[in-house]
Amino acid sequence: MKTPGRIPREQVNAAFYAFAVLYWIYLFAADSLMHQLAQPVLIYPRFDYTFWGLVLSGIPQWLTGSPAVALIFDWGWLACVLGALIFPRRLIFHRGYAIGAFLHFCIYNIYAGTHFTNVAFLMMSWLLIWRKDSLFELAFEALRYLFLFVFFSAACWKLLMGSLWHDGHFAATLRFQVLDYMVAYPESIRTALYHYLIFHPMVAQLCWVLVFSVQFLFIIGFFTKRYDRLLIGLGFAFHIGSIVFANIPNLEFLVCYLLLLPWSKYNEPAKISSGQLEIAT
C-alpha cells in the first residue's frame, strides 16, 4: 500500500543498485577492481588516518596481494549488488555492499595516489543499510544535504582561495590539467578549444565564474525542494562542462542525483475523478 509523502524504498533500491551494476562494469572496464590492480606495492595514503589505519592493519596488502582473494572480493561485491536487487529487504546484501564500497574506496585511493575517487558510491552505500523505513528516510535526507554541500562547499572554496579574483587562474589550471590530452590528440577539436582558452585567459576566467555560479546555486536546495529539477539540470550542465572544458568526468556523481528526484510524488495514490467514481459504482 502506498503511503502519501513517503519515499518509496523499493523504487530507490532498484534505481541505486542498477547504477551500482553499471558502475561495477565501468570499474571492470577501467581495470580498477581489486584483482586488476596487479598486486601493487607502493602506497600513498597521504595524511588520512583512515587510510593509514587500514595500511597498518594489513587489510589492503592482504586483499590485493593474493589474486584469488581479490577475485573473491570483487565478485562477492557484485553478488551483494545482485542480491540487493533481488531481495531488497535482506540487509546482509546492503551492508555487504557498503563494506565493499568502503574497502574499495580506501584501497584504490591508497594505491592510486588519489583521495576522493569513487567517493559518490561510498556516500550512497549508506542509504539502504537501515532496517527501519524511518531511518532510511532520515539517511536519504542527510545524504541529500551532503550532496548539496559538495557543490556549495566547492563554490566557497573558490571564494576563500581567491581564485575568482585571479584573472589567469583557470587558464593556468588548464596548462597542467589537459596537457596530456593535448599532446595525445593535437588535432582534436577539444585541443583547439583548450588552446584558445589558455591563450585567452579572460574568456577562461569567465568560464570559471560560471562554474562558481552553478556550484553556488546549490545552496537553494538547503531551503526548498521546489527547484531540485533545476539543480539536476545545472548539475548535468556542470558535468558536461567539466568533461569538455577540463577533461574531468566525475561521472560517478550521477548516482547522487537520485537524491534530488521527487520520489514522494511517485508514492502518492492515483487520484480518481468524480466521473470515474460514478462509472465504477
C-alpha atoms as a PDB file:
ATOM      1  CA  MET A   1       0.000   0.000   0.000  1.00  0.00           C
ATOM      2  CA  LYS A   2       1.302   3.443  -0.945  1.00  0.00           C
ATOM      3  CA  THR A   3       1.760   5.979   1.832  1.00  0.00           C
ATOM      4  CA  PRO A   4       1.486   9.595   0.650  1.00  0.00           C
ATOM      5  CA  GLY A   5       4.585  11.702   1.247  1.00  0.00           C
ATOM      6  CA  ARG A   6       6.862   8.753   1.992  1.00  0.00           C
ATOM      7  CA  ILE A   7       9.921   7.867  -0.054  1.00  0.00           C
ATOM      8  CA  PRO A   8       9.346   4.534  -1.880  1.00  0.00           C
ATOM      9  CA  ARG A   9      12.205   2.393  -0.627  1.00  0.00           C
ATOM     10  CA  GLU A  10      11.821  -0.374  -3.212  1.00  0.00           C
ATOM     11  CA  GLN A  11      11.983   2.048  -6.140  1.00  0.00           C
ATOM     12  CA  VAL A  12      15.025   3.836  -4.732  1.00  0.00           C
ATOM     13  CA  ASN A  13      16.640   0.445  -4.093  1.00  0.00           C
ATOM     14  CA  ALA A  14      16.120  -0.658  -7.704  1.00  0.00           C
ATOM     15  CA  ALA A  15      17.417   2.636  -9.127  1.00  0.00           C
ATOM     16  CA  PHE A  16      20.527   2.761  -6.931  1.00  0.00           C
ATOM     17  CA  TYR A  17      21.628  -0.823  -7.494  1.00  0.00           C
ATOM     18  CA  ALA A  18      21.020  -0.505 -11.219  1.00  0.00           C
ATOM     19  CA  PHE A  19      23.596   2.294 -11.077  1.00  0.00           C
ATOM     20  CA  ALA A  20      25.819   0.071  -8.919  1.00  0.00           C
ATOM     21  CA  VAL A  21      25.791  -2.718 -11.533  1.00  0.00           C
ATOM     22  CA  LEU A  22      26.766  -0.252 -14.258  1.00  0.00           C
ATOM     23  CA  TYR A  23      29.485   1.206 -12.055  1.00  0.00           C
ATOM     24  CA  TRP A  24      30.932  -2.239 -11.310  1.00  0.00           C
ATOM     25  CA  ILE A  25      31.082  -2.868 -15.062  1.00  0.00           C
ATOM     26  CA  TYR A  26      32.765   0.523 -15.527  1.00  0.00           C
ATOM     27  CA  LEU A  27      35.364  -0.301 -12.872  1.00  0.00           C
ATOM     28  CA  PHE A  28      35.996  -3.641 -14.585  1.00  0.00           C
ATOM     29  CA  ALA A  29      36.445  -1.929 -17.972  1.00  0.00           C
ATOM     30  CA  ALA A  30      38.783   0.628 -16.373  1.00  0.00           C
ATOM     31  CA  ASP A  31      40.927  -2.087 -14.705  1.00  0.00           C
ATOM     32  CA  SER A  32      40.098  -0.612 -11.296  1.00  0.00           C
ATOM     33  CA  LEU A  33      38.807  -3.649  -9.392  1.00  0.00           C
ATOM     34  CA  MET A  34      40.924  -5.272  -6.682  1.00  0.00           C
ATOM     35  CA  HIS A  35      42.091  -8.200  -8.825  1.00  0.00           C
ATOM     36  CA  GLN A  36      43.095  -5.788 -11.608  1.00  0.00           C
ATOM     37  CA  LEU A  37      45.496  -3.691  -9.513  1.00  0.00           C
ATOM     38  CA  ALA A  38      48.267  -6.221 -10.231  1.00  0.00           C
ATOM     39  CA  GLN A  39      49.379  -6.725  -6.610  1.00  0.00           C
ATOM     40  CA  PRO A  40      50.621  -3.136  -6.034  1.00  0.00           C
ATOM     41  CA  VAL A  41      53.468  -2.406  -3.641  1.00  0.00           C
ATOM     42  CA  LEU A  42      53.825   1.376  -3.386  1.00  0.00           C
ATOM     43  CA  ILE A  43      51.304   3.233  -1.228  1.00  0.00           C
ATOM     44  CA  TYR A  44      50.361   6.895  -0.895  1.00  0.00           C
ATOM     45  CA  PRO A  45      47.839   7.294   1.965  1.00  0.00           C
ATOM     46  CA  ARG A  46      48.710  10.983   2.479  1.00  0.00           C
ATOM     47  CA  PHE A  47      47.647  12.416   5.862  1.00  0.00           C
ATOM     48  CA  ASP A  48      44.495  10.369   6.180  1.00  0.00           C
ATOM     49  CA  TYR A  49      44.187   8.459   9.446  1.00  0.00           C
ATOM     50  CA  THR A  50      41.607   6.057   7.981  1.00  0.00           C
ATOM     51  CA  PHE A  51      43.943   5.155   5.132  1.00  0.00           C
ATOM     52  CA  TRP A  52      46.893   4.767   7.491  1.00  0.00           C
ATOM     53  CA  GLY A  53      44.813   2.642   9.860  1.00  0.00           C
ATOM     54  CA  LEU A  54      43.951   0.267   7.038  1.00  0.00           C
ATOM     55  CA  VAL A  55      47.579   0.107   5.879  1.00  0.00           C
ATOM     56  CA  LEU A  56      48.767  -0.717   9.400  1.00  0.00           C
ATOM     57  CA  SER A  57      46.050  -3.379   9.725  1.00  0.00           C
ATOM     58  CA  GLY A  58      47.399  -5.155   6.641  1.00  0.00           C
ATOM     59  CA  ILE A  59      43.963  -5.423   5.016  1.00  0.00           C
ATOM     60  CA  PRO A  60      44.917  -3.679   1.716  1.00  0.00           C
ATOM     61  CA  GLN A  61      48.027  -5.827   1.382  1.00  0.00           C
ATOM     62  CA  TRP A  62      46.025  -8.998   2.067  1.00  0.00           C
ATOM     63  CA  LEU A  63      43.217  -8.163  -0.364  1.00  0.00           C
ATOM     64  CA  THR A  64      45.471  -7.122  -3.234  1.00  0.00           C
ATOM     65  CA  GLY A  65      48.380  -9.470  -2.527  1.00  0.00           C
ATOM     66  CA  SER A  66      46.513 -12.632  -3.483  1.00  0.00           C
ATOM     67  CA  PRO A  67      44.763 -12.814  -6.880  1.00  0.00           C
ATOM     68  CA  ALA A  68      42.326 -15.398  -5.510  1.00  0.00           C
ATOM     69  CA  VAL A  69      41.332 -13.249  -2.519  1.00  0.00           C
ATOM     70  CA  ALA A  70      40.982 -10.185  -4.755  1.00  0.00           C
ATOM     71  CA  LEU A  71      38.740 -12.096  -7.178  1.00  0.00           C
ATOM     72  CA  ILE A  72      36.548 -13.339  -4.337  1.00  0.00           C
ATOM     73  CA  PHE A  73      36.220  -9.769  -3.053  1.00  0.00           C
ATOM     74  CA  ASP A  74      35.292  -8.307  -6.452  1.00  0.00           C
ATOM     75  CA  TRP A  75      32.750 -10.960  -7.376  1.00  0.00           C
ATOM     76  CA  GLY A  76      31.388 -11.036  -3.840  1.00  0.00           C
ATOM     77  CA  TRP A  77      30.847  -7.275  -4.082  1.00  0.00           C
ATOM     78  CA  LEU A  78      28.897  -7.779  -7.313  1.00  0.00           C
ATOM     79  CA  ALA A  79      26.931 -10.599  -5.691  1.00  0.00           C
ATOM     80  CA  CYS A  80      25.851  -8.165  -2.956  1.00  0.00           C
ATOM     81  CA  VAL A  81      24.558  -5.788  -5.639  1.00  0.00           C
ATOM     82  CA  LEU A  82      22.554  -8.512  -7.376  1.00  0.00           C
ATOM     83  CA  GLY A  83      21.320  -9.866  -4.053  1.00  0.00           C
ATOM     84  CA  ALA A  84      20.094  -6.411  -3.020  1.00  0.00           C
ATOM     85  CA  LEU A  85      18.239  -6.098  -6.320  1.00  0.00           C
ATOM     86  CA  ILE A  86      16.524  -9.465  -5.948  1.00  0.00           C
ATOM     87  CA  PHE A  87      15.982  -9.362  -2.178  1.00  0.00           C
ATOM     88  CA  PRO A  88      15.631  -5.646  -1.323  1.00  0.00           C
ATOM     89  CA  ARG A  89      14.717  -6.328   2.332  1.00  0.00           C
ATOM     90  CA  ARG A  90      17.694  -8.577   3.105  1.00  0.00           C
ATOM     91  CA  LEU A  91      20.019  -6.182   4.916  1.00  0.00           C
ATOM     92  CA  ILE A  92      23.010  -8.520   4.617  1.00  0.00           C
ATOM     93  CA  PHE A  93      23.352  -7.585   0.939  1.00  0.00           C
ATOM     94  CA  HIS A  94      23.089  -3.839   1.566  1.00  0.00           C
ATOM     95  CA  ARG A  95      25.575  -3.926   4.419  1.00  0.00           C
ATOM     96  CA  GLY A  96      27.889  -6.197   2.459  1.00  0.00           C
ATOM     97  CA  TYR A  97      27.838  -3.731  -0.419  1.00  0.00           C
ATOM     98  CA  ALA A  98      28.551  -0.827   1.973  1.00  0.00           C
ATOM     99  CA  ILE A  99      31.559  -2.639   3.455  1.00  0.00           C
ATOM    100  CA  GLY A 100      32.801  -3.449  -0.046  1.00  0.00           C
ATOM    101  CA  ALA A 101      32.362   0.172  -1.166  1.00  0.00           C
ATOM    102  CA  PHE A 102      34.329   1.387   1.856  1.00  0.00           C
ATOM    103  CA  LEU A 103      37.189  -1.051   1.312  1.00  0.00           C
ATOM    104  CA  HIS A 104      37.352  -0.451  -2.438  1.00  0.00           C
ATOM    105  CA  PHE A 105      37.307   3.339  -1.954  1.00  0.00           C
ATOM    106  CA  CYS A 106      40.108   3.281   0.611  1.00  0.00           C
ATOM    107  CA  ILE A 107      42.313   0.658  -1.003  1.00  0.00           C
ATOM    108  CA  TYR A 108      42.030   2.045  -4.524  1.00  0.00           C
ATOM    109  CA  ASN A 109      42.923   5.563  -3.375  1.00  0.00           C
ATOM    110  CA  ILE A 110      45.788   4.306  -1.205  1.00  0.00           C
ATOM    111  CA  TYR A 111      47.467   2.657  -4.193  1.00  0.00           C
ATOM    112  CA  ALA A 112      46.349   5.090  -6.915  1.00  0.00           C
ATOM    113  CA  GLY A 113      47.687   8.134  -5.057  1.00  0.00           C
ATOM    114  CA  THR A 114      44.314   9.877  -5.163  1.00  0.00           C
ATOM    115  CA  HIS A 115      41.960  10.759  -2.328  1.00  0.00           C
ATOM    116  CA  PHE A 116      38.351  11.172  -3.465  1.00  0.00           C
ATOM    117  CA  THR A 117      37.950   8.787  -6.406  1.00  0.00           C
ATOM    118  CA  ASN A 118      34.734   6.701  -6.142  1.00  0.00           C
ATOM    119  CA  VAL A 119      33.505   8.743  -3.161  1.00  0.00           C
ATOM    120  CA  ALA A 120      29.952   9.083  -4.559  1.00  0.00           C
ATOM    121  CA  PHE A 121      29.192   5.368  -4.266  1.00  0.00           C
ATOM    122  CA  LEU A 122      30.778   5.315  -0.824  1.00  0.00           C
ATOM    123  CA  MET A 123      28.328   8.029   0.227  1.00  0.00           C
ATOM    124  CA  MET A 124      25.311   6.355  -1.330  1.00  0.00           C
ATOM    125  CA  SER A 125      26.156   2.913   0.093  1.00  0.00           C
ATOM    126  CA  TRP A 126      24.874   4.132   3.484  1.00  0.00           C
ATOM    127  CA  LEU A 127      21.393   4.779   2.119  1.00  0.00           C
ATOM    128  CA  LEU A 128      19.812   1.320   2.331  1.00  0.00           C
ATOM    129  CA  ILE A 129      21.584  -0.379   5.249  1.00  0.00           C
ATOM    130  CA  TRP A 130      18.858   0.538   7.768  1.00  0.00           C
ATOM    131  CA  ARG A 131      16.110  -1.837   8.884  1.00  0.00           C
ATOM    132  CA  LYS A 132      13.508   0.811   9.752  1.00  0.00           C
ATOM    133  CA  ASP A 133      12.000   2.852   6.929  1.00  0.00           C
ATOM    134  CA  SER A 134      12.150   5.947   9.144  1.00  0.00           C
ATOM    135  CA  LEU A 135      15.938   5.603   9.372  1.00  0.00           C
ATOM    136  CA  PHE A 136      16.127   5.043   5.611  1.00  0.00           C
ATOM    137  CA  GLU A 137      14.250   8.302   5.030  1.00  0.00           C
ATOM    138  CA  LEU A 138      16.486  10.103   7.529  1.00  0.00           C
ATOM    139  CA  ALA A 139      19.562   8.785   5.705  1.00  0.00           C
ATOM    140  CA  PHE A 140      18.053   9.860   2.375  1.00  0.00           C
ATOM    141  CA  GLU A 141      17.576  13.432   3.582  1.00  0.00           C
ATOM    142  CA  ALA A 142      21.013  13.536   5.216  1.00  0.00           C
ATOM    143  CA  LEU A 143      22.721  12.320   2.033  1.00  0.00           C
ATOM    144  CA  ARG A 144      20.743  14.863   0.026  1.00  0.00           C
ATOM    145  CA  TYR A 145      22.161  17.670   2.167  1.00  0.00           C
ATOM    146  CA  LEU A 146      25.643  16.167   1.936  1.00  0.00           C
ATOM    147  CA  PHE A 147      25.422  16.067  -1.867  1.00  0.00           C
ATOM    148  CA  LEU A 148      24.276  19.699  -1.955  1.00  0.00           C
ATOM    149  CA  PHE A 149      27.152  20.578   0.373  1.00  0.00           C
ATOM    150  CA  VAL A 150      29.669  19.006  -2.026  1.00  0.00           C
ATOM    151  CA  PHE A 151      28.736  21.566  -4.684  1.00  0.00           C
ATOM    152  CA  PHE A 152      28.227  24.519  -2.354  1.00  0.00           C
ATOM    153  CA  SER A 153      31.494  23.920  -0.475  1.00  0.00           C
ATOM    154  CA  ALA A 154      33.358  23.842  -3.808  1.00  0.00           C
ATOM    155  CA  ALA A 155      31.985  27.330  -4.515  1.00  0.00           C
ATOM    156  CA  CYS A 156      33.009  28.506  -1.030  1.00  0.00           C
ATOM    157  CA  TRP A 157      36.500  27.118  -1.580  1.00  0.00           C
ATOM    158  CA  LYS A 158      36.863  29.209  -4.725  1.00  0.00           C
ATOM    159  CA  LEU A 159      35.888  32.285  -2.734  1.00  0.00           C
ATOM    160  CA  LEU A 160      38.232  31.562   0.164  1.00  0.00           C
ATOM    161  CA  MET A 161      41.201  30.766  -2.072  1.00  0.00           C
ATOM    162  CA  GLY A 162      40.626  33.880  -4.173  1.00  0.00           C
ATOM    163  CA  SER A 163      40.697  32.036  -7.490  1.00  0.00           C
ATOM    164  CA  LEU A 164      37.733  34.100  -8.721  1.00  0.00           C
ATOM    165  CA  TRP A 165      39.769  37.304  -8.472  1.00  0.00           C
ATOM    166  CA  HIS A 166      42.861  35.982 -10.273  1.00  0.00           C
ATOM    167  CA  ASP A 167      42.362  36.666 -13.966  1.00  0.00           C
ATOM    168  CA  GLY A 168      44.604  33.877 -15.189  1.00  0.00           C
ATOM    169  CA  HIS A 169      43.627  31.153 -12.733  1.00  0.00           C
ATOM    170  CA  PHE A 170      41.610  28.851 -14.995  1.00  0.00           C
ATOM    171  CA  ALA A 171      43.947  29.329 -17.945  1.00  0.00           C
ATOM    172  CA  ALA A 172      46.882  28.402 -15.716  1.00  0.00           C
ATOM    173  CA  THR A 173      44.997  25.398 -14.357  1.00  0.00           C
ATOM    174  CA  LEU A 174      44.310  24.148 -17.871  1.00  0.00           C
ATOM    175  CA  ARG A 175      48.016  24.224 -18.695  1.00  0.00           C
ATOM    176  CA  PHE A 176      48.673  21.207 -16.487  1.00  0.00           C
ATOM    177  CA  GLN A 177      45.160  19.748 -16.318  1.00  0.00           C
ATOM    178  CA  VAL A 178      44.798  18.966 -20.024  1.00  0.00           C
ATOM    179  CA  LEU A 179      48.433  18.852 -21.160  1.00  0.00           C
ATOM    180  CA  ASP A 180      48.422  15.062 -21.585  1.00  0.00           C
ATOM    181  CA  TYR A 181      45.286  15.206 -23.720  1.00  0.00           C
ATOM    182  CA  MET A 182      46.674  17.991 -25.918  1.00  0.00           C
ATOM    183  CA  VAL A 183      49.885  16.032 -26.532  1.00  0.00           C
ATOM    184  CA  ALA A 184      47.997  12.797 -27.275  1.00  0.00           C
ATOM    185  CA  TYR A 185      45.377  14.407 -29.546  1.00  0.00           C
ATOM    186  CA  PRO A 186      46.957  17.523 -31.061  1.00  0.00           C
ATOM    187  CA  GLU A 187      44.466  17.776 -33.942  1.00  0.00           C
ATOM    188  CA  SER A 188      41.239  17.302 -31.979  1.00  0.00           C
ATOM    189  CA  ILE A 189      38.523  19.937 -31.559  1.00  0.00           C
ATOM    190  CA  ARG A 190      38.910  19.853 -27.776  1.00  0.00           C
ATOM    191  CA  THR A 191      42.632  20.560 -28.085  1.00  0.00           C
ATOM    192  CA  ALA A 192      41.798  23.601 -30.208  1.00  0.00           C
ATOM    193  CA  LEU A 193      39.319  24.683 -27.502  1.00  0.00           C
ATOM    194  CA  TYR A 194      41.922  24.250 -24.767  1.00  0.00           C
ATOM    195  CA  HIS A 195      44.468  26.176 -26.829  1.00  0.00           C
ATOM    196  CA  TYR A 196      42.008  29.054 -27.227  1.00  0.00           C
ATOM    197  CA  LEU A 197      41.193  29.194 -23.510  1.00  0.00           C
ATOM    198  CA  ILE A 198      44.831  29.043 -22.442  1.00  0.00           C
ATOM    199  CA  PHE A 199      45.750  31.960 -24.709  1.00  0.00           C
ATOM    200  CA  HIS A 200      42.604  33.939 -23.829  1.00  0.00           C
ATOM    201  CA  PRO A 201      42.696  33.979 -20.010  1.00  0.00           C
ATOM    202  CA  MET A 202      39.789  36.423 -19.653  1.00  0.00           C
ATOM    203  CA  VAL A 203      37.447  34.102 -21.552  1.00  0.00           C
ATOM    204  CA  ALA A 204      38.710  31.183 -19.475  1.00  0.00           C
ATOM    205  CA  GLN A 205      38.086  33.149 -16.284  1.00  0.00           C
ATOM    206  CA  LEU A 206      34.510  33.863 -17.347  1.00  0.00           C
ATOM    207  CA  CYS A 207      34.024  30.099 -17.629  1.00  0.00           C
ATOM    208  CA  TRP A 208      35.452  29.754 -14.119  1.00  0.00           C
ATOM    209  CA  VAL A 209      32.998  32.327 -12.769  1.00  0.00           C
ATOM    210  CA  LEU A 210      30.172  30.430 -14.478  1.00  0.00           C
ATOM    211  CA  VAL A 211      31.298  27.214 -12.758  1.00  0.00           C
ATOM    212  CA  PHE A 212      31.310  29.040  -9.426  1.00  0.00           C
ATOM    213  CA  SER A 213      27.800  30.354 -10.047  1.00  0.00           C
ATOM    214  CA  VAL A 214      26.431  26.890 -10.855  1.00  0.00           C
ATOM    215  CA  GLN A 215      28.009  25.403  -7.733  1.00  0.00           C
ATOM    216  CA  PHE A 216      26.876  28.270  -5.503  1.00  0.00           C
ATOM    217  CA  LEU A 217      23.251  27.914  -6.655  1.00  0.00           C
ATOM    218  CA  PHE A 218      23.080  24.522  -4.968  1.00  0.00           C
ATOM    219  CA  ILE A 219      22.545  26.436  -1.727  1.00  0.00           C
ATOM    220  CA  ILE A 220      18.906  26.716  -2.854  1.00  0.00           C
ATOM    221  CA  GLY A 221      18.431  23.044  -2.052  1.00  0.00           C
ATOM    222  CA  PHE A 222      19.161  23.668   1.626  1.00  0.00           C
ATOM    223  CA  PHE A 223      15.942  25.665   1.953  1.00  0.00           C
ATOM    224  CA  THR A 224      13.481  24.127  -0.518  1.00  0.00           C
ATOM    225  CA  LYS A 225      12.986  21.109  -2.768  1.00  0.00           C
ATOM    226  CA  ARG A 226      10.892  23.096  -5.227  1.00  0.00           C
ATOM    227  CA  TYR A 227      13.855  23.741  -7.516  1.00  0.00           C
ATOM    228  CA  ASP A 228      15.502  20.309  -7.324  1.00  0.00           C
ATOM    229  CA  ARG A 229      14.806  19.688 -11.019  1.00  0.00           C
ATOM    230  CA  LEU A 230      16.627  22.928 -11.814  1.00  0.00           C
ATOM    231  CA  LEU A 231      19.559  21.734  -9.706  1.00  0.00           C
ATOM    232  CA  ILE A 232      19.594  18.450 -11.623  1.00  0.00           C
ATOM    233  CA  GLY A 233      19.816  20.389 -14.882  1.00  0.00           C
ATOM    234  CA  LEU A 234      22.582  22.630 -13.511  1.00  0.00           C
ATOM    235  CA  GLY A 235      24.449  19.597 -12.222  1.00  0.00           C
ATOM    236  CA  PHE A 236      24.313  17.836 -15.569  1.00  0.00           C
ATOM    237  CA  ALA A 237      25.492  21.016 -17.293  1.00  0.00           C
ATOM    238  CA  PHE A 238      28.359  21.183 -14.794  1.00  0.00           C
ATOM    239  CA  HIS A 239      29.449  17.608 -15.551  1.00  0.00           C
ATOM    240  CA  ILE A 240      29.254  18.139 -19.305  1.00  0.00           C
ATOM    241  CA  GLY A 241      31.295  21.329 -18.944  1.00  0.00           C
ATOM    242  CA  SER A 242      33.848  19.554 -16.762  1.00  0.00           C
ATOM    243  CA  ILE A 243      34.360  16.918 -19.448  1.00  0.00           C
ATOM    244  CA  VAL A 244      34.515  19.352 -22.362  1.00  0.00           C
ATOM    245  CA  PHE A 245      36.491  22.186 -20.782  1.00  0.00           C
ATOM    246  CA  ALA A 246      38.690  20.463 -18.199  1.00  0.00           C
ATOM    247  CA  ASN A 247      38.744  16.756 -19.156  1.00  0.00           C
ATOM    248  CA  ILE A 248      37.345  15.827 -15.707  1.00  0.00           C
ATOM    249  CA  PRO A 249      34.391  13.408 -15.981  1.00  0.00           C
ATOM    250  CA  ASN A 250      33.275  12.807 -12.343  1.00  0.00           C
ATOM    251  CA  LEU A 251      30.519  10.619 -13.789  1.00  0.00           C
ATOM    252  CA  GLU A 252      30.223   8.647 -10.545  1.00  0.00           C
ATOM    253  CA  PHE A 253      28.285  11.568  -9.050  1.00  0.00           C
ATOM    254  CA  LEU A 254      25.396  10.916 -11.432  1.00  0.00           C
ATOM    255  CA  VAL A 255      24.083   8.366  -8.930  1.00  0.00           C
ATOM    256  CA  CYS A 256      23.695  11.132  -6.341  1.00  0.00           C
ATOM    257  CA  TYR A 257      21.056  12.864  -8.449  1.00  0.00           C
ATOM    258  CA  LEU A 258      18.680  10.145  -7.283  1.00  0.00           C
ATOM    259  CA  LEU A 259      18.564  12.202  -4.088  1.00  0.00           C
ATOM    260  CA  LEU A 260      17.045  15.154  -5.962  1.00  0.00           C
ATOM    261  CA  LEU A 261      14.226  13.273  -7.673  1.00  0.00           C
ATOM    262  CA  PRO A 262      10.663  13.822  -6.329  1.00  0.00           C
ATOM    263  CA  TRP A 263      10.271  10.281  -5.007  1.00  0.00           C
ATOM    264  CA  SER A 264       7.448  11.163  -2.619  1.00  0.00           C
ATOM    265  CA  LYS A 265       5.256  12.162  -5.583  1.00  0.00           C
ATOM    266  CA  TYR A 266       5.740   8.727  -7.113  1.00  0.00           C
ATOM    267  CA  ASN A 267       4.368   7.212  -3.922  1.00  0.00           C
ATOM    268  CA  GLU A 268       1.067   9.105  -3.902  1.00  0.00           C
ATOM    269  CA  PRO A 269      -2.111   7.132  -4.662  1.00  0.00           C
ATOM    270  CA  ALA A 270      -3.748   7.820  -8.013  1.00  0.00           C
ATOM    271  CA  LYS A 271      -6.484  10.447  -7.913  1.00  0.00           C
ATOM    272  CA  ILE A 272      -9.933   9.333  -9.086  1.00  0.00           C
ATOM    273  CA  SER A 273     -12.281  11.909 -10.536  1.00  0.00           C
ATOM    274  CA  SER A 274     -15.963  12.029  -9.601  1.00  0.00           C
ATOM    275  CA  GLY A 275     -16.911  10.875 -13.121  1.00  0.00           C
ATOM    276  CA  GLN A 276     -14.669   7.848 -12.869  1.00  0.00           C
ATOM    277  CA  LEU A 277     -16.118   7.082  -9.430  1.00  0.00           C
ATOM    278  CA  GLU A 278     -19.681   7.148 -10.783  1.00  0.00           C
ATOM    279  CA  ILE A 279     -18.764   4.760 -13.608  1.00  0.00           C
ATOM    280  CA  ALA A 280     -17.013   2.427 -11.146  1.00  0.00           C
ATOM    281  CA  THR A 281     -20.060   2.324  -8.881  1.00  0.00           C
END
